[in-house]
Amino acid sequence: MKISGMSENTNKDPLHGLTLEAIVTSLVEHYGWDTLGQQISIRCFTSDPSVKSSLKFLRKTPWARKKVETLYLATQNSVWKK
């Protein structure tokens, strides 16, 4: 018996359940810091990059976080799903 208003897996957000740290780590593993810095030209990726410093910047900067999330989704759809 299903309770009204509760359905299974209704969240259509492809990033649902992923942490920003998991996204950044996956991109770094896939591209490396140099290529990631070329893909998204922000200092946290190009000047002495680290996951910790990137997370600090991305959590405070919505436009940069959006670029990272967009690149992650594009990469996931084109490369990781093949």
C-alpha atoms as a PDB file:
ATOM      1  CA  MET A   1       0.000   0.000   0.000  1.00  0.00           C
ATOM      2  CA  LYS A   2       1.399   3.344  -1.084  1.00  0.00           C
ATOM      3  CA  ILE A   3       0.892   6.408   1.058  1.00  0.00           C
ATOM      4  CA  SER A   4      -0.358   9.409  -0.903  1.00  0.00           C
ATOM      5  CA  GLY A   5       2.343  11.953  -1.624  1.00  0.00           C
ATOM      6  CA  MET A   6       5.178   9.483  -1.236  1.00  0.00           C
ATOM      7  CA  SER A   7       6.529   8.018  -4.421  1.00  0.00           C
ATOM      8  CA  GLU A   8       9.655   6.171  -5.324  1.00  0.00           C
ATOM      9  CA  ASN A   9      12.587   8.080  -6.851  1.00  0.00           C
ATOM     10  CA  THR A  10      10.734  11.251  -7.822  1.00  0.00           C
ATOM     11  CA  ASN A  11      13.852  13.430  -7.916  1.00  0.00           C
ATOM     12  CA  LYS A  12      14.822  14.050 -11.539  1.00  0.00           C
ATOM     13  CA  ASP A  13      17.967  16.045 -10.683  1.00  0.00           C
ATOM     14  CA  PRO A  14      20.923  14.109 -12.154  1.00  0.00           C
ATOM     15  CA  LEU A  15      23.180  15.508  -9.423  1.00  0.00           C
ATOM     16  CA  HIS A  16      20.891  14.325  -6.618  1.00  0.00           C
ATOM     17  CA  GLY A  17      22.876  12.469  -3.994  1.00  0.00           C
ATOM     18  CA  LEU A  18      26.265  13.655  -5.266  1.00  0.00           C
ATOM     19  CA  THR A  19      28.413  15.875  -3.119  1.00  0.00           C
ATOM     20  CA  LEU A  20      30.379  18.734  -4.598  1.00  0.00           C
ATOM     21  CA  GLU A  21      33.506  16.953  -3.383  1.00  0.00           C
ATOM     22  CA  ALA A  22      32.573  13.816  -5.343  1.00  0.00           C
ATOM     23  CA  ILE A  23      31.975  15.898  -8.475  1.00  0.00           C
ATOM     24  CA  VAL A  24      35.293  17.766  -8.223  1.00  0.00           C
ATOM     25  CA  THR A  25      37.197  14.571  -7.396  1.00  0.00           C
ATOM     26  CA  SER A  26      35.685  12.759 -10.389  1.00  0.00           C
ATOM     27  CA  LEU A  27      36.566  15.624 -12.729  1.00  0.00           C
ATOM     28  CA  VAL A  28      40.139  15.785 -11.419  1.00  0.00           C
ATOM     29  CA  GLU A  29      40.538  12.020 -11.834  1.00  0.00           C
ATOM     30  CA  HIS A  30      39.180  12.210 -15.371  1.00  0.00           C
ATOM     31  CA  TYR A  31      40.855  15.388 -16.658  1.00  0.00           C
ATOM     32  CA  GLY A  32      43.682  16.186 -14.256  1.00  0.00           C
ATOM     33  CA  TRP A  33      44.161  19.697 -12.858  1.00  0.00           C
ATOM     34  CA  ASP A  34      45.798  21.151 -15.997  1.00  0.00           C
ATOM     35  CA  THR A  35      43.028  20.143 -18.378  1.00  0.00           C
ATOM     36  CA  LEU A  36      40.331  20.966 -15.840  1.00  0.00           C
ATOM     37  CA  GLY A  37      41.835  24.461 -15.536  1.00  0.00           C
ATOM     38  CA  GLN A  38      41.673  24.780 -19.326  1.00  0.00           C
ATOM     39  CA  GLN A  39      38.051  23.603 -19.408  1.00  0.00           C
ATOM     40  CA  ILE A  40      37.013  25.972 -16.609  1.00  0.00           C
ATOM     41  CA  SER A  41      39.438  28.856 -16.213  1.00  0.00           C
ATOM     42  CA  ILE A  42      39.186  29.678 -12.525  1.00  0.00           C
ATOM     43  CA  ARG A  43      42.144  30.195 -10.180  1.00  0.00           C
ATOM     44  CA  CYS A  44      41.236  27.359  -7.834  1.00  0.00           C
ATOM     45  CA  PHE A  45      41.916  24.994 -10.771  1.00  0.00           C
ATOM     46  CA  THR A  46      44.925  26.783 -12.267  1.00  0.00           C
ATOM     47  CA  SER A  47      46.958  28.190  -9.375  1.00  0.00           C
ATOM     48  CA  ASP A  48      48.152  25.646  -6.787  1.00  0.00           C
ATOM     49  CA  PRO A  49      44.967  23.556  -7.113  1.00  0.00           C
ATOM     50  CA  SER A  50      43.602  21.239  -4.456  1.00  0.00           C
ATOM     51  CA  VAL A  51      40.219  19.697  -3.816  1.00  0.00           C
ATOM     52  CA  LYS A  52      39.967  21.534  -0.476  1.00  0.00           C
ATOM     53  CA  SER A  53      40.647  24.998  -1.919  1.00  0.00           C
ATOM     54  CA  SER A  54      38.365  24.319  -4.872  1.00  0.00           C
ATOM     55  CA  LEU A  55      35.499  23.282  -2.623  1.00  0.00           C
ATOM     56  CA  LYS A  56      35.924  26.409  -0.495  1.00  0.00           C
ATOM     57  CA  PHE A  57      35.743  28.639  -3.586  1.00  0.00           C
ATOM     58  CA  LEU A  58      32.941  26.747  -5.342  1.00  0.00           C
ATOM     59  CA  ARG A  59      30.695  26.740  -2.272  1.00  0.00           C
ATOM     60  CA  LYS A  60      30.881  30.554  -2.166  1.00  0.00           C
ATOM     61  CA  THR A  61      30.636  31.151  -5.928  1.00  0.00           C
ATOM     62  CA  PRO A  62      27.409  29.940  -7.548  1.00  0.00           C
ATOM     63  CA  TRP A  63      28.397  30.788 -11.148  1.00  0.00           C
ATOM     64  CA  ALA A  64      31.609  28.745 -10.864  1.00  0.00           C
ATOM     65  CA  ARG A  65      29.818  25.844  -9.185  1.00  0.00           C
ATOM     66  CA  LYS A  66      27.292  25.821 -12.028  1.00  0.00           C
ATOM     67  CA  LYS A  67      30.136  25.564 -14.570  1.00  0.00           C
ATOM     68  CA  VAL A  68      31.642  22.631 -12.676  1.00  0.00           C
ATOM     69  CA  GLU A  69      28.283  20.854 -12.433  1.00  0.00           C
ATOM     70  CA  THR A  70      27.613  21.453 -16.142  1.00  0.00           C
ATOM     71  CA  LEU A  71      31.021  20.056 -17.117  1.00  0.00           C
ATOM     72  CA  TYR A  72      30.475  17.052 -14.860  1.00  0.00           C
ATOM     73  CA  LEU A  73      27.123  16.263 -16.485  1.00  0.00           C
ATOM     74  CA  ALA A  74      28.487  16.757 -20.004  1.00  0.00           C
ATOM     75  CA  THR A  75      31.452  14.517 -19.252  1.00  0.00           C
ATOM     76  CA  GLN A  76      29.283  11.885 -17.629  1.00  0.00           C
ATOM     77  CA  ASN A  77      26.889  11.825 -20.569  1.00  0.00           C
ATOM     78  CA  SER A  78      29.560  11.749 -23.275  1.00  0.00           C
ATOM     79  CA  VAL A  79      32.345   9.625 -21.804  1.00  0.00           C
ATOM     80  CA  TRP A  80      31.422   7.701 -18.668  1.00  0.00           C
ATOM     81  CA  LYS A  81      28.138   6.293 -19.961  1.00  0.00           C
ATOM     82  CA  LYS A  82      29.672   4.693 -23.094  1.00  0.00           C
END
